[in-house]
Amino acid sequence: MTSSKIHILLIEDNETDALLVQSDLQQAMGDQITLVHTERLSSALELIRRHSFDLILSDLTLPDSDGITTINQLREHAASIPIAVLSFRNDEKLAIKAIKAGAQDYLVKGSLTEGVLARVIRYSIERKRIEESNRKAQRRFQTVFEKAPLGIALINLQTGKYYDVNPMYACIAGRSVDQLLSIHQADIIHPDDVLSYQKDIELFIRHQPHDSKIVKRVLRPDMSVIWIEMSLVPFETMNNHEVCHLCMIEDITERKRMIENLRHLTTHLQDVREEERTRIGREIHDVLGGTLTVLKMDLDWLSKKITADPMHERVKSLYALTGEAIETARRVSVNLRPNVLDNLGLYGAIEWLVREFEQRTNIKCHLESVISTICCSNKNFETSIFRIIQEIFINITRHSQATSVDIELIEDDNDIVIIIKDNGVGITESQLLNPESFGIIGMKERTQQFGGKLEISGKPFKGSVVTLKIPLTIAVTNVGELVHD
């Protein structure tokens, strides 16, 4: 509306009827309205072109138009203006046709009153406003649907049948919109992922989570394979009570490739670091340790030859310092490359690590295991597992203030499970999610390399629990069978 007044266009060729309607409108609405009267459709269309109206009251039978054609013509030239039909015929079928053609109301001339006219004017305008609002919302959704950079589909998850798909969805799937509308969503999923896809969909239908993402592979008609991330949300209930879901997909193939490359790079860097630590550890043990040992032996010989003080005491002091240096060199060498891993195997190295930790920190440790040996098909995996446990003990030493630690090794159907509990101050959610917790990040990266799982939990002043799961596909215990990867 362009002003506070309601501008009405009255199209009526019967002069008496026109006067009656004008009189009733004046009685009902007073100065709230302005009224323009014309007798022909052609002149009405010209008025609509030049002026703005809030409502059209029109007879169906005019000198230059008749019946539903009148409404069609008005709707074509004034799509946004509500129309109320005036007719001398009290015909329900004609009224329904008029409403279907786009009229907001159908009024029988003989039954018009002031109250009816006032109601019709306000209801017609409000109804039209709501229709326009719905139409705009629909146009907005359609624009988003058509132009979105995401693949969007309306789908029946129970049957997998598409109701509609946008061009981007078809582009990602490598098919046309028409092809997709004739198949089911499972038909585009890679055959190796179909079973897990169906399980994920069943789980989603059963629990209806607010935010659900499913990552699967899509096999295109040209046999190329891409990764997609699928988001599902309930959208609307159809007339047949079927629930329509909004399915949004994104091609994440490049992202997956970059993550995989980054993981390979991380693995390579860790392997390089381990090799360098091994080399330095060997140099310290063989060269520095050997030299210090010879020096200690000579100082021992010298102390026996020089018995007069103060030289004797000085030599004895140097002998003791050399012994401490040898012990330091040995400890640094072991930390750089634990030869116990080579000599005792992974389980023996874990036992050694627990004993060494207990002796060094005076934190009481209790190791309980139903496993006596662990062997990985890839020796780098053993090093990763050893480093993860070593990092856990370092964190306990630095942060936990614990006085006791329980270590448990068990085996279930799928994994070797190592559980390490302490009775310290616990760990918070913010500490776990801190992007600068490089120790935790490193442990997770190492765990991903061999396909394991690392879970860390804790409560304030009730200690922390770290659970490391090693898949039996890459490791074997004394009761298992080694599977090479």
Protein backbone atom coordinates (compact mmCIF):
# COMPACT_ATOMS: atom_id res chain seq x y z
CA MET A 1 0.00 0.00 0.00
CA THR A 2 1.24 3.46 -0.91
CA SER A 3 -0.68 5.36 1.82
CA SER A 4 -2.86 4.73 4.85
CA LYS A 5 -6.00 4.72 2.65
CA ILE A 6 -7.19 1.64 0.78
CA HIS A 7 -7.37 2.28 -2.98
CA ILE A 8 -10.11 0.25 -4.62
CA LEU A 9 -10.80 -0.24 -8.33
CA LEU A 10 -14.46 -1.07 -9.01
CA ILE A 11 -15.19 -2.66 -12.44
CA GLU A 12 -18.95 -2.74 -12.90
CA ASP A 13 -20.93 -1.98 -16.08
CA ASN A 14 -24.31 -1.90 -14.35
CA GLU A 15 -24.78 1.66 -13.14
CA THR A 16 -27.27 0.75 -10.41
CA ASP A 17 -25.09 -2.03 -9.02
CA ALA A 18 -22.09 0.29 -9.11
CA LEU A 19 -23.92 2.96 -7.12
CA LEU A 20 -25.09 0.40 -4.55
CA VAL A 21 -21.58 -0.97 -4.07
CA GLN A 22 -20.11 2.54 -3.77
CA SER A 23 -22.76 3.43 -1.21
CA ASP A 24 -22.14 0.27 0.82
CA LEU A 25 -18.38 0.85 0.71
CA GLN A 26 -18.76 4.40 1.94
CA GLN A 27 -21.02 3.23 4.74
CA ALA A 28 -18.63 0.41 5.72
CA MET A 29 -15.24 2.11 5.39
CA GLY A 30 -15.96 5.87 5.28
CA ASP A 31 -12.87 7.93 4.44
CA GLN A 32 -10.56 4.93 4.86
CA ILE A 33 -10.94 4.18 1.15
CA THR A 34 -10.61 5.87 -2.24
CA LEU A 35 -12.67 4.42 -5.06
CA VAL A 36 -12.17 4.51 -8.84
CA HIS A 37 -14.99 3.20 -11.00
CA THR A 38 -14.86 1.94 -14.60
CA GLU A 39 -17.30 -0.04 -16.72
CA ARG A 40 -14.98 -1.93 -19.08
CA LEU A 41 -12.05 -4.32 -18.62
CA SER A 42 -9.89 -2.50 -21.17
CA SER A 43 -10.19 0.81 -19.31
CA ALA A 44 -9.56 -1.04 -16.01
CA LEU A 45 -6.31 -2.47 -17.35
CA GLU A 46 -5.25 1.02 -18.42
CA LEU A 47 -6.02 2.35 -14.92
CA ILE A 48 -4.04 -0.51 -13.36
CA ARG A 49 -1.09 0.38 -15.61
CA ARG A 50 -1.11 4.05 -14.53
CA HIS A 51 -2.20 3.82 -10.87
CA SER A 52 -1.64 1.71 -7.78
CA PHE A 53 -4.57 -0.17 -6.20
CA ASP A 54 -4.92 -2.27 -3.08
CA LEU A 55 -8.04 -4.18 -4.18
CA ILE A 56 -10.05 -4.87 -7.35
CA LEU A 57 -13.81 -5.44 -7.10
CA SER A 58 -14.92 -6.77 -10.47
CA ASP A 59 -18.04 -8.06 -12.09
CA LEU A 60 -17.46 -11.21 -14.14
CA THR A 61 -19.69 -10.14 -17.03
CA LEU A 62 -18.46 -6.95 -18.72
CA PRO A 63 -19.04 -5.43 -22.16
CA ASP A 64 -15.56 -6.53 -23.33
CA SER A 65 -15.00 -9.65 -21.23
CA ASP A 66 -17.00 -12.49 -19.72
CA GLY A 67 -16.63 -15.13 -16.98
CA ILE A 68 -13.31 -16.53 -15.78
CA THR A 69 -11.56 -14.79 -18.69
CA THR A 70 -12.08 -11.51 -16.82
CA ILE A 71 -10.12 -12.84 -13.83
CA ASN A 72 -7.40 -14.29 -16.04
CA GLN A 73 -6.92 -10.93 -17.75
CA LEU A 74 -6.80 -9.05 -14.45
CA ARG A 75 -4.41 -11.60 -12.94
CA GLU A 76 -2.13 -11.31 -15.94
CA HIS A 77 -1.88 -7.51 -15.67
CA ALA A 78 -2.19 -7.15 -11.88
CA ALA A 79 -0.68 -10.26 -10.34
CA SER A 80 -0.03 -8.62 -6.98
CA ILE A 81 -3.45 -6.96 -6.46
CA PRO A 82 -6.13 -8.99 -4.64
CA ILE A 83 -9.36 -9.50 -6.63
CA ALA A 84 -12.88 -9.95 -5.23
CA VAL A 85 -15.46 -11.07 -7.74
CA LEU A 86 -18.94 -9.50 -7.87
CA SER A 87 -21.58 -11.69 -9.49
CA PHE A 88 -25.35 -11.84 -9.58
CA ARG A 89 -25.11 -15.69 -9.75
CA ASN A 90 -25.13 -17.62 -6.47
CA ASP A 91 -23.20 -20.47 -8.07
CA GLU A 92 -20.78 -22.50 -5.91
CA LYS A 93 -19.05 -24.14 -8.89
CA LEU A 94 -18.46 -20.76 -10.52
CA ALA A 95 -17.17 -19.42 -7.21
CA ILE A 96 -14.65 -22.30 -6.96
CA LYS A 97 -13.50 -21.68 -10.54
CA ALA A 98 -13.02 -17.99 -9.74
CA ILE A 99 -10.95 -18.78 -6.65
CA LYS A 100 -8.85 -21.29 -8.60
CA ALA A 101 -8.27 -18.65 -11.27
CA GLY A 102 -6.76 -16.35 -8.66
CA ALA A 103 -9.62 -14.42 -7.05
CA GLN A 104 -9.45 -13.94 -3.29
CA ASP A 105 -13.23 -13.90 -2.76
CA TYR A 106 -16.59 -14.37 -4.54
CA LEU A 107 -19.49 -12.09 -3.61
CA VAL A 108 -23.13 -12.37 -4.66
CA LYS A 109 -24.46 -8.90 -5.38
CA GLY A 110 -27.88 -9.42 -3.79
CA SER A 111 -26.41 -10.42 -0.43
CA LEU A 112 -23.92 -7.59 0.00
CA THR A 113 -24.04 -5.64 3.27
CA GLU A 114 -21.73 -3.04 4.80
CA GLY A 115 -20.25 -5.57 7.20
CA VAL A 116 -19.66 -8.13 4.47
CA LEU A 117 -17.90 -5.58 2.29
CA ALA A 118 -15.66 -4.37 5.11
CA ARG A 119 -14.73 -7.96 5.97
CA VAL A 120 -14.11 -8.85 2.33
CA ILE A 121 -11.87 -5.83 1.78
CA ARG A 122 -9.70 -6.49 4.81
CA TYR A 123 -9.61 -10.31 4.40
CA SER A 124 -8.81 -10.08 0.69
CA ILE A 125 -5.94 -7.68 1.25
CA GLU A 126 -4.54 -9.74 4.15
CA ARG A 127 -4.94 -13.00 2.24
CA LYS A 128 -3.12 -11.52 -0.72
CA ARG A 129 -0.36 -10.22 1.51
CA ILE A 130 0.15 -13.71 2.96
CA GLU A 131 0.12 -15.26 -0.51
CA GLU A 132 2.74 -12.76 -1.68
CA SER A 133 4.85 -13.47 1.39
CA ASN A 134 4.64 -17.23 0.75
CA ARG A 135 5.42 -16.70 -2.92
CA LYS A 136 8.48 -14.62 -2.09
CA ALA A 137 9.69 -17.23 0.41
CA GLN A 138 9.20 -19.93 -2.21
CA ARG A 139 11.10 -17.89 -4.80
CA ARG A 140 13.94 -17.34 -2.33
CA PHE A 141 14.13 -21.07 -1.54
CA GLN A 142 14.02 -21.91 -5.25
CA THR A 143 16.84 -19.46 -5.96
CA VAL A 144 18.95 -20.92 -3.14
CA PHE A 145 18.06 -24.43 -4.32
CA GLU A 146 19.06 -23.72 -7.92
CA LYS A 147 22.16 -21.61 -7.30
CA ALA A 148 23.60 -23.12 -4.12
CA PRO A 149 27.24 -24.26 -4.33
CA LEU A 150 26.16 -27.36 -2.37
CA GLY A 151 24.36 -30.33 -3.84
CA ILE A 152 20.80 -30.28 -2.46
CA ALA A 153 18.14 -32.96 -2.83
CA LEU A 154 14.69 -33.50 -1.38
CA ILE A 155 14.50 -37.18 -0.62
CA ASN A 156 12.38 -39.88 1.00
CA LEU A 157 14.93 -41.63 3.22
CA GLN A 158 12.65 -44.63 3.76
CA THR A 159 12.62 -45.47 0.06
CA GLY A 160 15.69 -43.53 -1.09
CA LYS A 161 13.58 -41.94 -3.83
CA TYR A 162 14.38 -38.37 -4.86
CA TYR A 163 11.60 -35.76 -4.95
CA ASP A 164 13.86 -33.10 -6.42
CA VAL A 165 17.59 -32.41 -6.90
CA ASN A 166 19.42 -29.22 -7.77
CA PRO A 167 21.96 -28.87 -10.62
CA MET A 168 24.95 -28.98 -8.26
CA TYR A 169 23.79 -32.28 -6.75
CA ALA A 170 23.55 -33.73 -10.25
CA CYS A 171 26.99 -32.33 -11.11
CA ILE A 172 28.59 -33.91 -8.01
CA ALA A 173 26.89 -37.25 -8.70
CA GLY A 174 27.99 -37.09 -12.36
CA ARG A 175 24.40 -37.61 -13.57
CA SER A 176 21.60 -35.47 -14.97
CA VAL A 177 18.68 -34.30 -12.83
CA ASP A 178 16.30 -36.54 -14.80
CA GLN A 179 18.57 -39.58 -14.29
CA LEU A 180 18.66 -39.00 -10.54
CA LEU A 181 14.86 -38.64 -10.33
CA SER A 182 14.51 -42.12 -11.82
CA ILE A 183 16.88 -43.91 -9.40
CA HIS A 184 17.47 -44.15 -5.64
CA GLN A 185 20.21 -42.51 -3.59
CA ALA A 186 21.83 -45.85 -2.76
CA ASP A 187 22.34 -46.34 -6.52
CA ILE A 188 24.98 -43.60 -6.61
CA ILE A 189 26.90 -44.86 -3.55
CA HIS A 190 30.05 -46.93 -4.13
CA PRO A 191 29.16 -50.65 -3.86
CA ASP A 192 31.66 -51.14 -1.01
CA ASP A 193 29.94 -48.38 1.01
CA VAL A 194 26.30 -49.29 0.36
CA LEU A 195 25.93 -51.52 3.44
CA SER A 196 27.40 -48.93 5.83
CA TYR A 197 25.32 -46.22 4.10
CA GLN A 198 22.10 -48.17 4.72
CA LYS A 199 23.07 -48.70 8.37
CA ASP A 200 23.77 -44.98 8.80
CA ILE A 201 20.41 -44.07 7.22
CA GLU A 202 18.56 -46.56 9.46
CA LEU A 203 20.33 -45.10 12.48
CA PHE A 204 19.40 -41.57 11.40
CA ILE A 205 15.72 -42.46 10.84
CA ARG A 206 15.57 -44.16 14.26
CA HIS A 207 17.22 -41.38 16.29
CA GLN A 208 16.73 -38.25 14.11
CA PRO A 209 19.79 -36.37 15.40
CA HIS A 210 19.86 -32.61 14.90
CA ASP A 211 23.21 -32.61 13.16
CA SER A 212 24.09 -35.71 11.18
CA LYS A 213 26.93 -36.03 8.71
CA ILE A 214 27.62 -39.15 6.67
CA VAL A 215 30.83 -39.54 4.65
CA LYS A 216 30.72 -42.02 1.78
CA ARG A 217 32.14 -42.64 -1.67
CA VAL A 218 30.16 -42.02 -4.85
CA LEU A 219 30.73 -44.10 -7.99
CA ARG A 220 30.05 -41.98 -11.08
CA PRO A 221 28.91 -43.48 -14.40
CA ASP A 222 32.42 -42.87 -15.85
CA MET A 223 33.75 -45.15 -13.01
CA SER A 224 35.50 -42.26 -11.23
CA VAL A 225 35.19 -42.29 -7.44
CA ILE A 226 34.71 -39.22 -5.25
CA TRP A 227 34.16 -38.68 -1.52
CA ILE A 228 31.07 -36.79 -0.37
CA GLU A 229 29.98 -35.44 3.02
CA MET A 230 26.21 -35.73 3.40
CA SER A 231 24.10 -33.65 5.84
CA LEU A 232 20.51 -34.68 6.54
CA VAL A 233 17.69 -32.68 8.13
CA PRO A 234 13.89 -33.30 8.18
CA PHE A 235 12.22 -30.84 5.78
CA GLU A 236 8.43 -31.33 5.48
CA THR A 237 5.65 -33.89 5.64
CA MET A 238 4.09 -34.67 2.27
CA ASN A 239 0.37 -35.15 1.57
CA ASN A 240 0.73 -38.93 1.91
CA HIS A 241 2.31 -38.43 5.37
CA GLU A 242 5.78 -39.34 4.04
CA VAL A 243 8.57 -37.26 5.57
CA CYS A 244 10.69 -35.42 3.06
CA HIS A 245 14.31 -34.82 4.12
CA LEU A 246 16.74 -32.21 2.91
CA CYS A 247 19.97 -33.90 1.85
CA MET A 248 22.99 -31.64 1.24
CA ILE A 249 26.17 -33.11 -0.22
CA GLU A 250 29.65 -31.66 -0.68
CA ASP A 251 32.49 -33.08 -2.72
CA ILE A 252 35.32 -33.53 -0.17
CA THR A 253 37.61 -35.61 -2.38
CA GLU A 254 40.29 -32.92 -2.49
CA ARG A 255 40.05 -32.36 1.27
CA LYS A 256 40.40 -36.10 1.93
CA ARG A 257 43.39 -36.25 -0.42
CA MET A 258 45.09 -33.32 1.35
CA ILE A 259 44.48 -34.88 4.77
CA GLU A 260 45.87 -38.19 3.55
CA ASN A 261 48.93 -36.46 2.08
CA LEU A 262 49.41 -34.55 5.32
CA ARG A 263 49.16 -37.82 7.25
CA HIS A 264 51.76 -39.44 5.02
CA LEU A 265 54.01 -36.41 5.44
CA THR A 266 53.60 -36.56 9.23
CA THR A 267 54.42 -40.26 9.20
CA HIS A 268 57.46 -39.62 7.05
CA LEU A 269 58.67 -36.84 9.35
CA GLN A 270 58.19 -39.03 12.39
CA ASP A 271 60.10 -41.85 10.71
CA VAL A 272 62.92 -39.43 9.85
CA ARG A 273 62.93 -38.13 13.42
CA GLU A 274 63.05 -41.66 14.81
CA GLU A 275 65.95 -42.54 12.49
CA GLU A 276 67.81 -39.39 13.54
CA ARG A 277 67.17 -40.10 17.21
CA THR A 278 68.44 -43.62 16.70
CA ARG A 279 71.61 -42.35 15.03
CA ILE A 280 72.28 -39.76 17.75
CA GLY A 281 71.48 -42.28 20.47
CA ARG A 282 73.91 -44.76 18.96
CA GLU A 283 76.64 -42.10 18.68
CA ILE A 284 76.16 -41.10 22.31
CA HIS A 285 76.16 -44.71 23.47
CA ASP A 286 79.04 -45.99 21.35
CA VAL A 287 81.35 -42.99 20.99
CA LEU A 288 80.70 -40.72 23.96
CA GLY A 289 79.83 -43.61 26.28
CA GLY A 290 82.89 -45.58 25.16
CA THR A 291 85.22 -42.60 25.62
CA LEU A 292 83.84 -41.88 29.09
CA THR A 293 84.23 -45.54 30.05
CA VAL A 294 87.92 -45.52 29.02
CA LEU A 295 88.38 -42.25 30.92
CA LYS A 296 86.78 -43.76 34.02
CA MET A 297 89.06 -46.81 33.82
CA ASP A 298 92.15 -44.59 33.53
CA LEU A 299 91.02 -42.47 36.46
CA ASP A 300 90.56 -45.64 38.49
CA TRP A 301 94.09 -46.73 37.57
CA LEU A 302 95.44 -43.26 38.35
CA SER A 303 93.75 -43.17 41.76
CA LYS A 304 95.58 -46.35 42.68
CA LYS A 305 98.90 -44.92 41.58
CA ILE A 306 98.48 -41.55 43.28
CA THR A 307 97.81 -42.13 46.94
CA ALA A 308 98.93 -38.78 48.36
CA ASP A 309 96.29 -36.13 49.08
CA PRO A 310 95.05 -33.73 47.78
CA MET A 311 95.73 -35.32 44.30
CA HIS A 312 94.23 -38.64 45.32
CA GLU A 313 90.95 -37.02 46.43
CA ARG A 314 90.86 -34.94 43.21
CA VAL A 315 91.25 -38.03 41.05
CA LYS A 316 88.55 -39.88 43.06
CA SER A 317 86.20 -36.91 42.55
CA LEU A 318 86.85 -36.94 38.78
CA TYR A 319 86.26 -40.71 38.80
CA ALA A 320 82.82 -40.21 40.42
CA LEU A 321 81.87 -37.39 38.02
CA THR A 322 82.83 -39.54 35.07
CA GLY A 323 80.58 -42.30 36.37
CA GLU A 324 77.68 -39.84 36.56
CA ALA A 325 78.42 -38.65 33.01
CA ILE A 326 78.35 -42.28 31.79
CA GLU A 327 74.97 -42.79 33.47
CA THR A 328 73.63 -39.54 31.93
CA ALA A 329 74.87 -40.58 28.49
CA ARG A 330 73.20 -43.98 28.91
CA ARG A 331 69.88 -42.40 29.98
CA VAL A 332 69.92 -39.90 27.08
CA SER A 333 70.77 -42.69 24.66
CA VAL A 334 67.92 -44.85 25.94
CA ASN A 335 65.44 -41.98 25.69
CA LEU A 336 66.51 -41.22 22.14
CA ARG A 337 66.22 -44.82 21.00
CA PRO A 338 64.96 -47.41 23.50
CA ASN A 339 67.01 -50.45 22.62
CA VAL A 340 64.72 -52.35 24.98
CA LEU A 341 62.21 -52.24 22.12
CA ASP A 342 64.69 -54.15 19.97
CA ASN A 343 65.83 -56.49 22.72
CA LEU A 344 62.64 -57.19 24.69
CA GLY A 345 59.87 -56.55 22.17
CA LEU A 346 56.91 -54.22 22.65
CA TYR A 347 55.44 -55.83 25.76
CA GLY A 348 58.87 -56.04 27.45
CA ALA A 349 59.51 -52.40 26.53
CA ILE A 350 56.22 -51.39 28.14
CA GLU A 351 57.17 -53.29 31.31
CA TRP A 352 60.57 -51.57 31.30
CA LEU A 353 58.91 -48.18 30.76
CA VAL A 354 56.61 -48.74 33.76
CA ARG A 355 59.50 -49.78 36.02
CA GLU A 356 61.71 -46.91 34.87
CA PHE A 357 58.84 -44.42 35.40
CA GLU A 358 58.17 -45.75 38.90
CA GLN A 359 61.86 -45.60 39.90
CA ARG A 360 62.37 -42.13 38.44
CA THR A 361 59.23 -40.47 39.83
CA ASN A 362 58.46 -42.53 42.96
CA ILE A 363 54.87 -42.76 41.69
CA LYS A 364 53.52 -46.19 42.59
CA CYS A 365 52.64 -48.23 39.48
CA HIS A 366 50.55 -51.37 39.15
CA LEU A 367 50.70 -53.30 35.88
CA GLU A 368 48.02 -55.90 35.23
CA SER A 369 47.93 -57.84 31.98
CA VAL A 370 46.40 -60.93 30.44
CA ILE A 371 48.89 -60.55 27.61
CA SER A 372 52.52 -61.63 27.74
CA THR A 373 53.65 -60.65 24.25
CA ILE A 374 52.66 -58.09 21.64
CA CYS A 375 54.11 -58.01 18.16
CA CYS A 376 53.21 -55.67 15.32
CA SER A 377 53.53 -56.51 11.65
CA ASN A 378 55.20 -53.14 11.10
CA LYS A 379 58.05 -52.26 13.50
CA ASN A 380 57.33 -48.55 13.06
CA PHE A 381 53.93 -49.20 14.65
CA GLU A 382 55.68 -50.66 17.71
CA THR A 383 57.77 -47.51 17.98
CA SER A 384 54.62 -45.36 17.69
CA ILE A 385 52.84 -47.34 20.44
CA PHE A 386 55.93 -47.11 22.68
CA ARG A 387 56.15 -43.34 22.09
CA ILE A 388 52.44 -42.87 22.89
CA ILE A 389 52.81 -44.66 26.23
CA GLN A 390 56.02 -42.75 26.91
CA GLU A 391 54.15 -39.46 26.24
CA ILE A 392 51.34 -40.51 28.61
CA PHE A 393 53.87 -41.05 31.41
CA ILE A 394 55.53 -37.70 30.62
CA ASN A 395 52.14 -35.96 30.92
CA ILE A 396 51.42 -37.72 34.22
CA THR A 397 54.80 -36.56 35.53
CA ARG A 398 54.34 -32.96 34.41
CA HIS A 399 50.65 -32.29 35.07
CA SER A 400 48.77 -34.89 37.09
CA GLN A 401 50.26 -34.64 40.63
CA ALA A 402 49.34 -38.33 40.84
CA THR A 403 50.62 -40.71 43.52
CA SER A 404 49.66 -43.95 41.79
CA VAL A 405 49.11 -45.22 38.26
CA ASP A 406 47.32 -48.40 37.15
CA ILE A 407 48.19 -49.93 33.79
CA GLU A 408 45.97 -52.64 32.31
CA LEU A 409 46.48 -54.63 29.11
CA ILE A 410 43.57 -56.67 27.78
CA GLU A 411 42.39 -58.05 24.47
CA ASP A 412 38.84 -58.00 23.08
CA ASP A 413 37.41 -59.26 19.81
CA ASN A 414 38.91 -56.47 17.73
CA ASP A 415 41.65 -54.72 19.66
CA ILE A 416 44.47 -54.89 22.12
CA VAL A 417 43.42 -52.36 24.76
CA ILE A 418 45.90 -50.51 26.98
CA ILE A 419 44.27 -48.53 29.81
CA ILE A 420 46.33 -46.15 31.95
CA LYS A 421 44.62 -44.57 34.98
CA ASP A 422 46.07 -42.11 37.45
CA ASN A 423 44.70 -40.61 40.65
CA GLY A 424 45.84 -37.06 39.91
CA VAL A 425 44.05 -33.75 39.34
CA GLY A 426 42.36 -34.91 36.16
CA ILE A 427 42.13 -33.26 32.76
CA THR A 428 39.52 -30.74 31.59
CA GLU A 429 37.63 -30.55 28.30
CA SER A 430 39.37 -27.28 27.43
CA GLN A 431 42.77 -28.88 27.99
CA LEU A 432 41.82 -31.75 25.69
CA LEU A 433 40.64 -29.34 22.96
CA ASN A 434 43.51 -26.86 23.36
CA PRO A 435 45.18 -26.55 19.93
CA GLU A 436 48.51 -26.05 21.72
CA SER A 437 48.32 -29.43 23.47
CA PHE A 438 50.98 -30.75 21.11
CA GLY A 439 51.60 -33.88 23.20
CA ILE A 440 47.96 -34.97 22.81
CA ILE A 441 47.93 -34.00 19.12
CA GLY A 442 51.09 -36.02 18.54
CA MET A 443 49.64 -39.08 20.29
CA LYS A 444 46.48 -38.88 18.14
CA GLU A 445 48.51 -38.56 14.95
CA ARG A 446 50.60 -41.60 15.87
CA THR A 447 47.44 -43.54 16.72
CA GLN A 448 45.88 -42.72 13.32
CA GLN A 449 48.96 -44.07 11.57
CA PHE A 450 48.22 -47.63 12.66
CA GLY A 451 44.42 -47.26 12.59
CA GLY A 452 43.96 -47.28 16.36
CA LYS A 453 41.84 -45.23 18.72
CA LEU A 454 42.96 -42.97 21.57
CA GLU A 455 40.45 -41.83 24.18
CA ILE A 456 41.34 -39.44 27.00
CA SER A 457 38.95 -38.54 29.80
CA GLY A 458 39.14 -37.15 33.29
CA LYS A 459 37.30 -35.44 36.12
CA PRO A 460 38.61 -32.67 38.36
CA PHE A 461 40.60 -34.22 41.22
CA LYS A 462 39.44 -37.72 40.26
CA GLY A 463 42.28 -38.58 37.93
CA SER A 464 42.51 -39.25 34.21
CA VAL A 465 42.03 -42.30 32.04
CA VAL A 466 43.80 -42.87 28.73
CA THR A 467 42.61 -45.78 26.60
CA LEU A 468 44.67 -46.87 23.61
CA LYS A 469 43.13 -49.40 21.23
CA ILE A 470 45.45 -51.25 18.86
CA PRO A 471 43.58 -53.12 16.10
CA LEU A 472 44.32 -56.84 15.88
CA THR A 473 44.70 -56.37 12.14
CA ILE A 474 48.16 -54.87 12.74
CA ALA A 475 49.21 -56.62 15.96
CA VAL A 476 49.18 -60.02 17.56
CA THR A 477 49.41 -61.18 21.16
CA ASN A 478 50.46 -64.49 22.59
CA VAL A 479 46.96 -65.82 21.86
CA GLY A 480 46.29 -64.09 18.57
CA GLU A 481 47.29 -64.52 14.95
CA LEU A 482 49.48 -62.02 13.15
CA VAL A 483 47.87 -60.39 10.13
CA HIS A 484 50.18 -58.51 7.78
CA ASP A 485 48.93 -55.17 6.50
